Amino acid sequence: SEDGLTWTFKLRDAKWSDGKPITAND
């Protein structure tokens, strides 16, 4: 954000080593 306080990350399609998707909740 313009004030430098809010950071919004967009995750790529990535998986854990067991094949499950890596999510923002992780």
mmCIF file of all heavy atoms, coordinates in Angstrom:
data_MODEL
# 
_entry.id   MODEL 
# 
loop_
_atom_site.group_PDB 
_atom_site.id 
_atom_site.type_symbol 
_atom_site.label_atom_id 
_atom_site.label_alt_id 
_atom_site.label_comp_id 
_atom_site.label_asym_id 
_atom_site.label_entity_id 
_atom_site.label_seq_id 
_atom_site.pdbx_PDB_ins_code 
_atom_site.Cartn_x 
_atom_site.Cartn_y 
_atom_site.Cartn_z 
_atom_site.occupancy 
_atom_site.B_iso_or_equiv 
_atom_site.pdbx_formal_charge 
_atom_site.auth_seq_id 
_atom_site.auth_comp_id 
_atom_site.auth_asym_id 
_atom_site.auth_atom_id 
_atom_site.pdbx_PDB_model_num 
ATOM 1   N N   . SER A 1 1  ? 0.827  -1.203  0.000   1.00 0.00 ? 1  SER A N   1 
ATOM 2   C CA  . SER A 1 1  ? 0.000  0.000   0.000   1.00 0.00 ? 1  SER A CA  1 
ATOM 3   C C   . SER A 1 1  ? 0.863  1.255   0.000   1.00 0.00 ? 1  SER A C   1 
ATOM 4   O O   . SER A 1 1  ? 2.052  1.209   0.328   1.00 0.00 ? 1  SER A O   1 
ATOM 5   C CB  . SER A 1 1  ? -0.924 0.008   1.226   1.00 0.00 ? 1  SER A CB  1 
ATOM 6   O OG  . SER A 1 1  ? -0.160 0.010   2.427   1.00 0.00 ? 1  SER A OG  1 
ATOM 7   N N   . GLU A 1 2  ? 0.280  2.381   -0.352  1.00 0.00 ? 2  GLU A N   1 
ATOM 8   C CA  . GLU A 1 2  ? 1.032  3.633   -0.441  1.00 0.00 ? 2  GLU A CA  1 
ATOM 9   C C   . GLU A 1 2  ? 1.696  4.018   0.870   1.00 0.00 ? 2  GLU A C   1 
ATOM 10  O O   . GLU A 1 2  ? 2.776  4.603   0.886   1.00 0.00 ? 2  GLU A O   1 
ATOM 11  C CB  . GLU A 1 2  ? 0.111  4.770   -0.908  1.00 0.00 ? 2  GLU A CB  1 
ATOM 12  C CG  . GLU A 1 2  ? -0.261 4.678   -2.379  1.00 0.00 ? 2  GLU A CG  1 
ATOM 13  C CD  . GLU A 1 2  ? -1.010 5.915   -2.854  1.00 0.00 ? 2  GLU A CD  1 
ATOM 14  O OE1 . GLU A 1 2  ? -1.019 6.917   -2.107  1.00 0.00 ? 2  GLU A OE1 1 
ATOM 15  O OE2 . GLU A 1 2  ? -1.574 5.871   -3.952  1.00 0.00 ? 2  GLU A OE2 1 
ATOM 16  N N   . ASP A 1 3  ? 1.040  3.702   1.995   1.00 0.00 ? 3  ASP A N   1 
ATOM 17  C CA  . ASP A 1 3  ? 1.634  4.041   3.291   1.00 0.00 ? 3  ASP A CA  1 
ATOM 18  C C   . ASP A 1 3  ? 2.651  3.004   3.762   1.00 0.00 ? 3  ASP A C   1 
ATOM 19  O O   . ASP A 1 3  ? 3.267  3.146   4.818   1.00 0.00 ? 3  ASP A O   1 
ATOM 20  C CB  . ASP A 1 3  ? 0.547  4.245   4.351   1.00 0.00 ? 3  ASP A CB  1 
ATOM 21  C CG  . ASP A 1 3  ? -0.294 2.988   4.593   1.00 0.00 ? 3  ASP A CG  1 
ATOM 22  O OD1 . ASP A 1 3  ? 0.040  1.919   4.036   1.00 0.00 ? 3  ASP A OD1 1 
ATOM 23  O OD2 . ASP A 1 3  ? -1.298 3.087   5.328   1.00 0.00 ? 3  ASP A OD2 1 
ATOM 24  N N   . GLY A 1 4  ? 2.851  1.946   2.968   1.00 0.00 ? 4  GLY A N   1 
ATOM 25  C CA  . GLY A 1 4  ? 3.849  0.931   3.293   1.00 0.00 ? 4  GLY A CA  1 
ATOM 26  C C   . GLY A 1 4  ? 3.444  -0.025  4.391   1.00 0.00 ? 4  GLY A C   1 
ATOM 27  O O   . GLY A 1 4  ? 4.275  -0.825  4.845   1.00 0.00 ? 4  GLY A O   1 
ATOM 28  N N   . LEU A 1 5  ? 2.188  -0.012  4.783   1.00 0.00 ? 5  LEU A N   1 
ATOM 29  C CA  . LEU A 1 5  ? 1.769  -0.810  5.936   1.00 0.00 ? 5  LEU A CA  1 
ATOM 30  C C   . LEU A 1 5  ? 1.008  -2.087  5.581   1.00 0.00 ? 5  LEU A C   1 
ATOM 31  O O   . LEU A 1 5  ? 0.975  -3.023  6.386   1.00 0.00 ? 5  LEU A O   1 
ATOM 32  C CB  . LEU A 1 5  ? 0.909  0.040   6.878   1.00 0.00 ? 5  LEU A CB  1 
ATOM 33  C CG  . LEU A 1 5  ? 1.606  1.255   7.504   1.00 0.00 ? 5  LEU A CG  1 
ATOM 34  C CD1 . LEU A 1 5  ? 0.646  2.019   8.401   1.00 0.00 ? 5  LEU A CD1 1 
ATOM 35  C CD2 . LEU A 1 5  ? 2.848  0.828   8.293   1.00 0.00 ? 5  LEU A CD2 1 
ATOM 36  N N   . THR A 1 6  ? 0.418  -2.148  4.415   1.00 0.00 ? 6  THR A N   1 
ATOM 37  C CA  . THR A 1 6  ? -0.338 -3.344  4.037   1.00 0.00 ? 6  THR A CA  1 
ATOM 38  C C   . THR A 1 6  ? 0.356  -4.057  2.882   1.00 0.00 ? 6  THR A C   1 
ATOM 39  O O   . THR A 1 6  ? 0.554  -3.482  1.815   1.00 0.00 ? 6  THR A O   1 
ATOM 40  C CB  . THR A 1 6  ? -1.783 -2.983  3.635   1.00 0.00 ? 6  THR A CB  1 
ATOM 41  O OG1 . THR A 1 6  ? -2.441 -2.375  4.750   1.00 0.00 ? 6  THR A OG1 1 
ATOM 42  C CG2 . THR A 1 6  ? -2.554 -4.238  3.239   1.00 0.00 ? 6  THR A CG2 1 
ATOM 43  N N   . TRP A 1 7  ? 0.729  -5.296  3.125   1.00 0.00 ? 7  TRP A N   1 
ATOM 44  C CA  . TRP A 1 7  ? 1.413  -6.119  2.141   1.00 0.00 ? 7  TRP A CA  1 
ATOM 45  C C   . TRP A 1 7  ? 0.481  -7.249  1.721   1.00 0.00 ? 7  TRP A C   1 
ATOM 46  O O   . TRP A 1 7  ? 0.007  -8.013  2.566   1.00 0.00 ? 7  TRP A O   1 
ATOM 47  C CB  . TRP A 1 7  ? 2.701  -6.699  2.726   1.00 0.00 ? 7  TRP A CB  1 
ATOM 48  C CG  . TRP A 1 7  ? 3.762  -5.675  2.997   1.00 0.00 ? 7  TRP A CG  1 
ATOM 49  C CD1 . TRP A 1 7  ? 3.683  -4.636  3.878   1.00 0.00 ? 7  TRP A CD1 1 
ATOM 50  C CD2 . TRP A 1 7  ? 5.049  -5.597  2.386   1.00 0.00 ? 7  TRP A CD2 1 
ATOM 51  N NE1 . TRP A 1 7  ? 4.846  -3.905  3.874   1.00 0.00 ? 7  TRP A NE1 1 
ATOM 52  C CE2 . TRP A 1 7  ? 5.714  -4.485  2.960   1.00 0.00 ? 7  TRP A CE2 1 
ATOM 53  C CE3 . TRP A 1 7  ? 5.718  -6.353  1.434   1.00 0.00 ? 7  TRP A CE3 1 
ATOM 54  C CZ2 . TRP A 1 7  ? 7.005  -4.111  2.596   1.00 0.00 ? 7  TRP A CZ2 1 
ATOM 55  C CZ3 . TRP A 1 7  ? 7.011  -5.992  1.075   1.00 0.00 ? 7  TRP A CZ3 1 
ATOM 56  C CH2 . TRP A 1 7  ? 7.630  -4.876  1.643   1.00 0.00 ? 7  TRP A CH2 1 
ATOM 57  N N   . THR A 1 8  ? 0.246  -7.367  0.432   1.00 0.00 ? 8  THR A N   1 
ATOM 58  C CA  . THR A 1 8  ? -0.631 -8.411  -0.091  1.00 0.00 ? 8  THR A CA  1 
ATOM 59  C C   . THR A 1 8  ? 0.170  -9.334  -1.005  1.00 0.00 ? 8  THR A C   1 
ATOM 60  O O   . THR A 1 8  ? 0.667  -8.911  -2.059  1.00 0.00 ? 8  THR A O   1 
ATOM 61  C CB  . THR A 1 8  ? -1.813 -7.803  -0.866  1.00 0.00 ? 8  THR A CB  1 
ATOM 62  O OG1 . THR A 1 8  ? -2.528 -6.893  -0.009  1.00 0.00 ? 8  THR A OG1 1 
ATOM 63  C CG2 . THR A 1 8  ? -2.764 -8.903  -1.336  1.00 0.00 ? 8  THR A CG2 1 
ATOM 64  N N   . PHE A 1 9  ? 0.318  -10.570 -0.578  1.00 0.00 ? 9  PHE A N   1 
ATOM 65  C CA  . PHE A 1 9  ? 1.095  -11.558 -1.320  1.00 0.00 ? 9  PHE A CA  1 
ATOM 66  C C   . PHE A 1 9  ? 0.172  -12.488 -2.090  1.00 0.00 ? 9  PHE A C   1 
ATOM 67  O O   . PHE A 1 9  ? -0.811 -12.993 -1.533  1.00 0.00 ? 9  PHE A O   1 
ATOM 68  C CB  . PHE A 1 9  ? 1.959  -12.389 -0.366  1.00 0.00 ? 9  PHE A CB  1 
ATOM 69  C CG  . PHE A 1 9  ? 2.983  -11.596 0.385   1.00 0.00 ? 9  PHE A CG  1 
ATOM 70  C CD1 . PHE A 1 9  ? 2.678  -11.023 1.613   1.00 0.00 ? 9  PHE A CD1 1 
ATOM 71  C CD2 . PHE A 1 9  ? 4.260  -11.419 -0.130  1.00 0.00 ? 9  PHE A CD2 1 
ATOM 72  C CE1 . PHE A 1 9  ? 3.619  -10.291 2.316   1.00 0.00 ? 9  PHE A CE1 1 
ATOM 73  C CE2 . PHE A 1 9  ? 5.210  -10.690 0.564   1.00 0.00 ? 9  PHE A CE2 1 
ATOM 74  C CZ  . PHE A 1 9  ? 4.892  -10.122 1.790   1.00 0.00 ? 9  PHE A CZ  1 
ATOM 75  N N   . LYS A 1 10 ? 0.478  -12.707 -3.354  1.00 0.00 ? 10 LYS A N   1 
ATOM 76  C CA  . LYS A 1 10 ? -0.256 -13.658 -4.169  1.00 0.00 ? 10 LYS A CA  1 
ATOM 77  C C   . LYS A 1 10 ? 0.598  -14.908 -4.352  1.00 0.00 ? 10 LYS A C   1 
ATOM 78  O O   . LYS A 1 10 ? 1.700  -14.851 -4.923  1.00 0.00 ? 10 LYS A O   1 
ATOM 79  C CB  . LYS A 1 10 ? -0.597 -13.057 -5.540  1.00 0.00 ? 10 LYS A CB  1 
ATOM 80  C CG  . LYS A 1 10 ? -1.623 -11.930 -5.476  1.00 0.00 ? 10 LYS A CG  1 
ATOM 81  C CD  . LYS A 1 10 ? -2.995 -12.456 -5.015  1.00 0.00 ? 10 LYS A CD  1 
ATOM 82  C CE  . LYS A 1 10 ? -4.043 -11.358 -5.012  1.00 0.00 ? 10 LYS A CE  1 
ATOM 83  N NZ  . LYS A 1 10 ? -5.363 -11.866 -4.572  1.00 0.00 ? 10 LYS A NZ  1 
ATOM 84  N N   . LEU A 1 11 ? 0.128  -16.031 -3.844  1.00 0.00 ? 11 LEU A N   1 
ATOM 85  C CA  . LEU A 1 11 ? 0.907  -17.262 -3.902  1.00 0.00 ? 11 LEU A CA  1 
ATOM 86  C C   . LEU A 1 11 ? 0.827  -17.912 -5.282  1.00 0.00 ? 11 LEU A C   1 
ATOM 87  O O   . LEU A 1 11 ? -0.201 -17.857 -5.950  1.00 0.00 ? 11 LEU A O   1 
ATOM 88  C CB  . LEU A 1 11 ? 0.409  -18.253 -2.849  1.00 0.00 ? 11 LEU A CB  1 
ATOM 89  C CG  . LEU A 1 11 ? 0.377  -17.789 -1.391  1.00 0.00 ? 11 LEU A CG  1 
ATOM 90  C CD1 . LEU A 1 11 ? 0.073  -18.971 -0.468  1.00 0.00 ? 11 LEU A CD1 1 
ATOM 91  C CD2 . LEU A 1 11 ? 1.684  -17.124 -0.978  1.00 0.00 ? 11 LEU A CD2 1 
ATOM 92  N N   . ARG A 1 12 ? 1.933  -18.519 -5.681  1.00 0.00 ? 12 ARG A N   1 
ATOM 93  C CA  . ARG A 1 12 ? 1.960  -19.286 -6.924  1.00 0.00 ? 12 ARG A CA  1 
ATOM 94  C C   . ARG A 1 12 ? 1.314  -20.655 -6.671  1.00 0.00 ? 12 ARG A C   1 
ATOM 95  O O   . ARG A 1 12 ? 1.057  -21.044 -5.533  1.00 0.00 ? 12 ARG A O   1 
ATOM 96  C CB  . ARG A 1 12 ? 3.391  -19.436 -7.429  1.00 0.00 ? 12 ARG A CB  1 
ATOM 97  C CG  . ARG A 1 12 ? 4.263  -20.259 -6.516  1.00 0.00 ? 12 ARG A CG  1 
ATOM 98  C CD  . ARG A 1 12 ? 5.649  -20.487 -7.112  1.00 0.00 ? 12 ARG A CD  1 
ATOM 99  N NE  . ARG A 1 12 ? 6.520  -19.311 -7.018  1.00 0.00 ? 12 ARG A NE  1 
ATOM 100 C CZ  . ARG A 1 12 ? 6.957  -18.644 -8.074  1.00 0.00 ? 12 ARG A CZ  1 
ATOM 101 N NH1 . ARG A 1 12 ? 6.585  -18.995 -9.302  1.00 0.00 ? 12 ARG A NH1 1 
ATOM 102 N NH2 . ARG A 1 12 ? 7.772  -17.607 -7.930  1.00 0.00 ? 12 ARG A NH2 1 
ATOM 103 N N   . ASP A 1 13 ? 1.081  -21.404 -7.737  1.00 0.00 ? 13 ASP A N   1 
ATOM 104 C CA  . ASP A 1 13 ? 0.599  -22.775 -7.583  1.00 0.00 ? 13 ASP A CA  1 
ATOM 105 C C   . ASP A 1 13 ? 1.781  -23.629 -7.148  1.00 0.00 ? 13 ASP A C   1 
ATOM 106 O O   . ASP A 1 13 ? 2.667  -23.946 -7.953  1.00 0.00 ? 13 ASP A O   1 
ATOM 107 C CB  . ASP A 1 13 ? 0.012  -23.293 -8.899  1.00 0.00 ? 13 ASP A CB  1 
ATOM 108 C CG  . ASP A 1 13 ? -1.306 -22.617 -9.249  1.00 0.00 ? 13 ASP A CG  1 
ATOM 109 O OD1 . ASP A 1 13 ? -2.042 -22.266 -8.305  1.00 0.00 ? 13 ASP A OD1 1 
ATOM 110 O OD2 . ASP A 1 13 ? -1.588 -22.442 -10.447 1.00 0.00 ? 13 ASP A OD2 1 
ATOM 111 N N   . ALA A 1 14 ? 1.812  -23.961 -5.895  1.00 0.00 ? 14 ALA A N   1 
ATOM 112 C CA  . ALA A 1 14 ? 2.925  -24.742 -5.339  1.00 0.00 ? 14 ALA A CA  1 
ATOM 113 C C   . ALA A 1 14 ? 2.364  -25.828 -4.434  1.00 0.00 ? 14 ALA A C   1 
ATOM 114 O O   . ALA A 1 14 ? 1.245  -25.714 -3.910  1.00 0.00 ? 14 ALA A O   1 
ATOM 115 C CB  . ALA A 1 14 ? 3.870  -23.833 -4.559  1.00 0.00 ? 14 ALA A CB  1 
ATOM 116 N N   . LYS A 1 15 ? 3.156  -26.881 -4.259  1.00 0.00 ? 15 LYS A N   1 
ATOM 117 C CA  . LYS A 1 15 ? 2.702  -28.027 -3.472  1.00 0.00 ? 15 LYS A CA  1 
ATOM 118 C C   . LYS A 1 15 ? 3.708  -28.392 -2.386  1.00 0.00 ? 15 LYS A C   1 
ATOM 119 O O   . LYS A 1 15 ? 4.911  -28.139 -2.514  1.00 0.00 ? 15 LYS A O   1 
ATOM 120 C CB  . LYS A 1 15 ? 2.489  -29.243 -4.384  1.00 0.00 ? 15 LYS A CB  1 
ATOM 121 C CG  . LYS A 1 15 ? 1.402  -29.067 -5.418  1.00 0.00 ? 15 LYS A CG  1 
ATOM 122 C CD  . LYS A 1 15 ? 1.299  -30.309 -6.286  1.00 0.00 ? 15 LYS A CD  1 
ATOM 123 C CE  . LYS A 1 15 ? 0.215  -30.164 -7.348  1.00 0.00 ? 15 LYS A CE  1 
ATOM 124 N NZ  . LYS A 1 15 ? 0.126  -31.376 -8.195  1.00 0.00 ? 15 LYS A NZ  1 
ATOM 125 N N   . TRP A 1 16 ? 3.184  -28.995 -1.343  1.00 0.00 ? 16 TRP A N   1 
ATOM 126 C CA  . TRP A 1 16 ? 4.029  -29.618 -0.332  1.00 0.00 ? 16 TRP A CA  1 
ATOM 127 C C   . TRP A 1 16 ? 4.625  -30.889 -0.926  1.00 0.00 ? 16 TRP A C   1 
ATOM 128 O O   . TRP A 1 16 ? 4.168  -31.380 -1.955  1.00 0.00 ? 16 TRP A O   1 
ATOM 129 C CB  . TRP A 1 16 ? 3.225  -29.948 0.917   1.00 0.00 ? 16 TRP A CB  1 
ATOM 130 C CG  . TRP A 1 16 ? 2.746  -28.742 1.664   1.00 0.00 ? 16 TRP A CG  1 
ATOM 131 C CD1 . TRP A 1 16 ? 1.518  -28.158 1.587   1.00 0.00 ? 16 TRP A CD1 1 
ATOM 132 C CD2 . TRP A 1 16 ? 3.495  -27.974 2.610   1.00 0.00 ? 16 TRP A CD2 1 
ATOM 133 N NE1 . TRP A 1 16 ? 1.452  -27.060 2.414   1.00 0.00 ? 16 TRP A NE1 1 
ATOM 134 C CE2 . TRP A 1 16 ? 2.646  -26.932 3.062   1.00 0.00 ? 16 TRP A CE2 1 
ATOM 135 C CE3 . TRP A 1 16 ? 4.788  -28.060 3.125   1.00 0.00 ? 16 TRP A CE3 1 
ATOM 136 C CZ2 . TRP A 1 16 ? 3.066  -25.984 3.988   1.00 0.00 ? 16 TRP A CZ2 1 
ATOM 137 C CZ3 . TRP A 1 16 ? 5.205  -27.120 4.058   1.00 0.00 ? 16 TRP A CZ3 1 
ATOM 138 C CH2 . TRP A 1 16 ? 4.357  -26.096 4.486   1.00 0.00 ? 16 TRP A CH2 1 
ATOM 139 N N   . SER A 1 17 ? 5.626  -31.424 -0.277  1.00 0.00 ? 17 SER A N   1 
ATOM 140 C CA  . SER A 1 17 ? 6.293  -32.607 -0.809  1.00 0.00 ? 17 SER A CA  1 
ATOM 141 C C   . SER A 1 17 ? 5.388  -33.828 -0.855  1.00 0.00 ? 17 SER A C   1 
ATOM 142 O O   . SER A 1 17 ? 5.697  -34.805 -1.539  1.00 0.00 ? 17 SER A O   1 
ATOM 143 C CB  . SER A 1 17 ? 7.552  -32.922 0.018   1.00 0.00 ? 17 SER A CB  1 
ATOM 144 O OG  . SER A 1 17 ? 7.231  -33.077 1.396   1.00 0.00 ? 17 SER A OG  1 
ATOM 145 N N   . ASP A 1 18 ? 4.258  -33.789 -0.140  1.00 0.00 ? 18 ASP A N   1 
ATOM 146 C CA  . ASP A 1 18 ? 3.306  -34.904 -0.220  1.00 0.00 ? 18 ASP A CA  1 
ATOM 147 C C   . ASP A 1 18 ? 2.217  -34.659 -1.264  1.00 0.00 ? 18 ASP A C   1 
ATOM 148 O O   . ASP A 1 18 ? 1.259  -35.425 -1.366  1.00 0.00 ? 18 ASP A O   1 
ATOM 149 C CB  . ASP A 1 18 ? 2.677  -35.193 1.144   1.00 0.00 ? 18 ASP A CB  1 
ATOM 150 C CG  . ASP A 1 18 ? 1.817  -34.056 1.671   1.00 0.00 ? 18 ASP A CG  1 
ATOM 151 O OD1 . ASP A 1 18 ? 1.745  -33.001 1.011   1.00 0.00 ? 18 ASP A OD1 1 
ATOM 152 O OD2 . ASP A 1 18 ? 1.209  -34.219 2.758   1.00 0.00 ? 18 ASP A OD2 1 
ATOM 153 N N   . GLY A 1 19 ? 2.360  -33.568 -2.041  1.00 0.00 ? 19 GLY A N   1 
ATOM 154 C CA  . GLY A 1 19 ? 1.439  -33.305 -3.128  1.00 0.00 ? 19 GLY A CA  1 
ATOM 155 C C   . GLY A 1 19 ? 0.273  -32.401 -2.799  1.00 0.00 ? 19 GLY A C   1 
ATOM 156 O O   . GLY A 1 19 ? -0.463 -31.979 -3.694  1.00 0.00 ? 19 GLY A O   1 
ATOM 157 N N   . LYS A 1 20 ? 0.078  -32.066 -1.533  1.00 0.00 ? 20 LYS A N   1 
ATOM 158 C CA  . LYS A 1 20 ? -1.025 -31.187 -1.159  1.00 0.00 ? 20 LYS A CA  1 
ATOM 159 C C   . LYS A 1 20 ? -0.668 -29.729 -1.473  1.00 0.00 ? 20 LYS A C   1 
ATOM 160 O O   . LYS A 1 20 ? 0.498  -29.344 -1.380  1.00 0.00 ? 20 LYS A O   1 
ATOM 161 C CB  . LYS A 1 20 ? -1.356 -31.349 0.324   1.00 0.00 ? 20 LYS A CB  1 
ATOM 162 C CG  . LYS A 1 20 ? -1.961 -32.710 0.659   1.00 0.00 ? 20 LYS A CG  1 
ATOM 163 C CD  . LYS A 1 20 ? -2.422 -32.770 2.114   1.00 0.00 ? 20 LYS A CD  1 
ATOM 164 C CE  . LYS A 1 20 ? -3.079 -34.116 2.415   1.00 0.00 ? 20 LYS A CE  1 
ATOM 165 N NZ  . LYS A 1 20 ? -3.560 -34.190 3.813   1.00 0.00 ? 20 LYS A NZ  1 
ATOM 166 N N   . PRO A 1 21 ? -1.654 -28.912 -1.844  1.00 0.00 ? 21 PRO A N   1 
ATOM 167 C CA  . PRO A 1 21 ? -1.352 -27.512 -2.195  1.00 0.00 ? 21 PRO A CA  1 
ATOM 168 C C   . PRO A 1 21 ? -0.912 -26.693 -0.988  1.00 0.00 ? 21 PRO A C   1 
ATOM 169 O O   . PRO A 1 21 ? -1.411 -26.882 0.123   1.00 0.00 ? 21 PRO A O   1 
ATOM 170 C CB  . PRO A 1 21 ? -2.683 -27.006 -2.762  1.00 0.00 ? 21 PRO A CB  1 
ATOM 171 C CG  . PRO A 1 21 ? -3.729 -27.897 -2.183  1.00 0.00 ? 21 PRO A CG  1 
ATOM 172 C CD  . PRO A 1 21 ? -3.084 -29.237 -2.038  1.00 0.00 ? 21 PRO A CD  1 
ATOM 173 N N   . ILE A 1 22 ? 0.033  -25.784 -1.230  1.00 0.00 ? 22 ILE A N   1 
ATOM 174 C CA  . ILE A 1 22 ? 0.452  -24.814 -0.215  1.00 0.00 ? 22 ILE A CA  1 
ATOM 175 C C   . ILE A 1 22 ? -0.520 -23.647 -0.276  1.00 0.00 ? 22 ILE A C   1 
ATOM 176 O O   . ILE A 1 22 ? -0.758 -23.083 -1.343  1.00 0.00 ? 22 ILE A O   1 
ATOM 177 C CB  . ILE A 1 22 ? 1.891  -24.337 -0.474  1.00 0.00 ? 22 ILE A CB  1 
ATOM 178 C CG1 . ILE A 1 22 ? 2.867  -25.516 -0.368  1.00 0.00 ? 22 ILE A CG1 1 
ATOM 179 C CG2 . ILE A 1 22 ? 2.286  -23.229 0.511   1.00 0.00 ? 22 ILE A CG2 1 
ATOM 180 C CD1 . ILE A 1 22 ? 4.281  -25.182 -0.810  1.00 0.00 ? 22 ILE A CD1 1 
ATOM 181 N N   . THR A 1 23 ? -1.105 -23.303 0.856   1.00 0.00 ? 23 THR A N   1 
ATOM 182 C CA  . THR A 1 23 ? -2.121 -22.251 0.883   1.00 0.00 ? 23 THR A CA  1 
ATOM 183 C C   . THR A 1 23 ? -1.704 -21.104 1.792   1.00 0.00 ? 23 THR A C   1 
ATOM 184 O O   . THR A 1 23 ? -0.783 -21.226 2.607   1.00 0.00 ? 23 THR A O   1 
ATOM 185 C CB  . THR A 1 23 ? -3.468 -22.801 1.377   1.00 0.00 ? 23 THR A CB  1 
ATOM 186 O OG1 . THR A 1 23 ? -3.387 -23.079 2.786   1.00 0.00 ? 23 THR A OG1 1 
ATOM 187 C CG2 . THR A 1 23 ? -3.854 -24.077 0.624   1.00 0.00 ? 23 THR A CG2 1 
ATOM 188 N N   . ALA A 1 24 ? -2.432 -19.992 1.662   1.00 0.00 ? 24 ALA A N   1 
ATOM 189 C CA  . ALA A 1 24 ? -2.169 -18.817 2.499   1.00 0.00 ? 24 ALA A CA  1 
ATOM 190 C C   . ALA A 1 24 ? -2.380 -19.132 3.971   1.00 0.00 ? 24 ALA A C   1 
ATOM 191 O O   . ALA A 1 24 ? -1.720 -18.562 4.845   1.00 0.00 ? 24 ALA A O   1 
ATOM 192 C CB  . ALA A 1 24 ? -3.062 -17.664 2.063   1.00 0.00 ? 24 ALA A CB  1 
ATOM 193 N N   . ASN A 1 25 ? -3.293 -20.051 4.266   1.00 0.00 ? 25 ASN A N   1 
ATOM 194 C CA  . ASN A 1 25 ? -3.534 -20.415 5.662   1.00 0.00 ? 25 ASN A CA  1 
ATOM 195 C C   . ASN A 1 25 ? -2.329 -21.100 6.298   1.00 0.00 ? 25 ASN A C   1 
ATOM 196 O O   . ASN A 1 25 ? -2.169 -21.069 7.520   1.00 0.00 ? 25 ASN A O   1 
ATOM 197 C CB  . ASN A 1 25 ? -4.767 -21.312 5.774   1.00 0.00 ? 25 ASN A CB  1 
ATOM 198 C CG  . ASN A 1 25 ? -6.056 -20.500 5.809   1.00 0.00 ? 25 ASN A CG  1 
ATOM 199 O OD1 . ASN A 1 25 ? -6.180 -19.557 6.582   1.00 0.00 ? 25 ASN A OD1 1 
ATOM 200 N ND2 . ASN A 1 25 ? -6.998 -20.853 4.949   1.00 0.00 ? 25 ASN A ND2 1 
ATOM 201 N N   . ASP A 1 26 ? -1.476 -21.713 5.485   1.00 0.00 ? 26 ASP A N   1 
ATOM 202 C CA  . ASP A 1 26 ? -0.246 -22.312 6.022   1.00 0.00 ? 26 ASP A CA  1 
ATOM 203 C C   . ASP A 1 26 ? 0.673  -21.215 6.562   1.00 0.00 ? 26 ASP A C   1 
ATOM 204 O O   . ASP A 1 26 ? 1.367  -21.408 7.568   1.00 0.00 ? 26 ASP A O   1 
ATOM 205 C CB  . ASP A 1 26 ? 0.473  -23.119 4.945   1.00 0.00 ? 26 ASP A CB  1 
ATOM 206 C CG  . ASP A 1 26 ? -0.320 -24.341 4.502   1.00 0.00 ? 26 ASP A CG  1 
ATOM 207 O OD1 . ASP A 1 26 ? -0.995 -24.946 5.347   1.00 0.00 ? 26 ASP A OD1 1 
ATOM 208 O OD2 . ASP A 1 26 ? -0.265 -24.681 3.300   1.00 0.00 ? 26 ASP A OD2 1 
# 
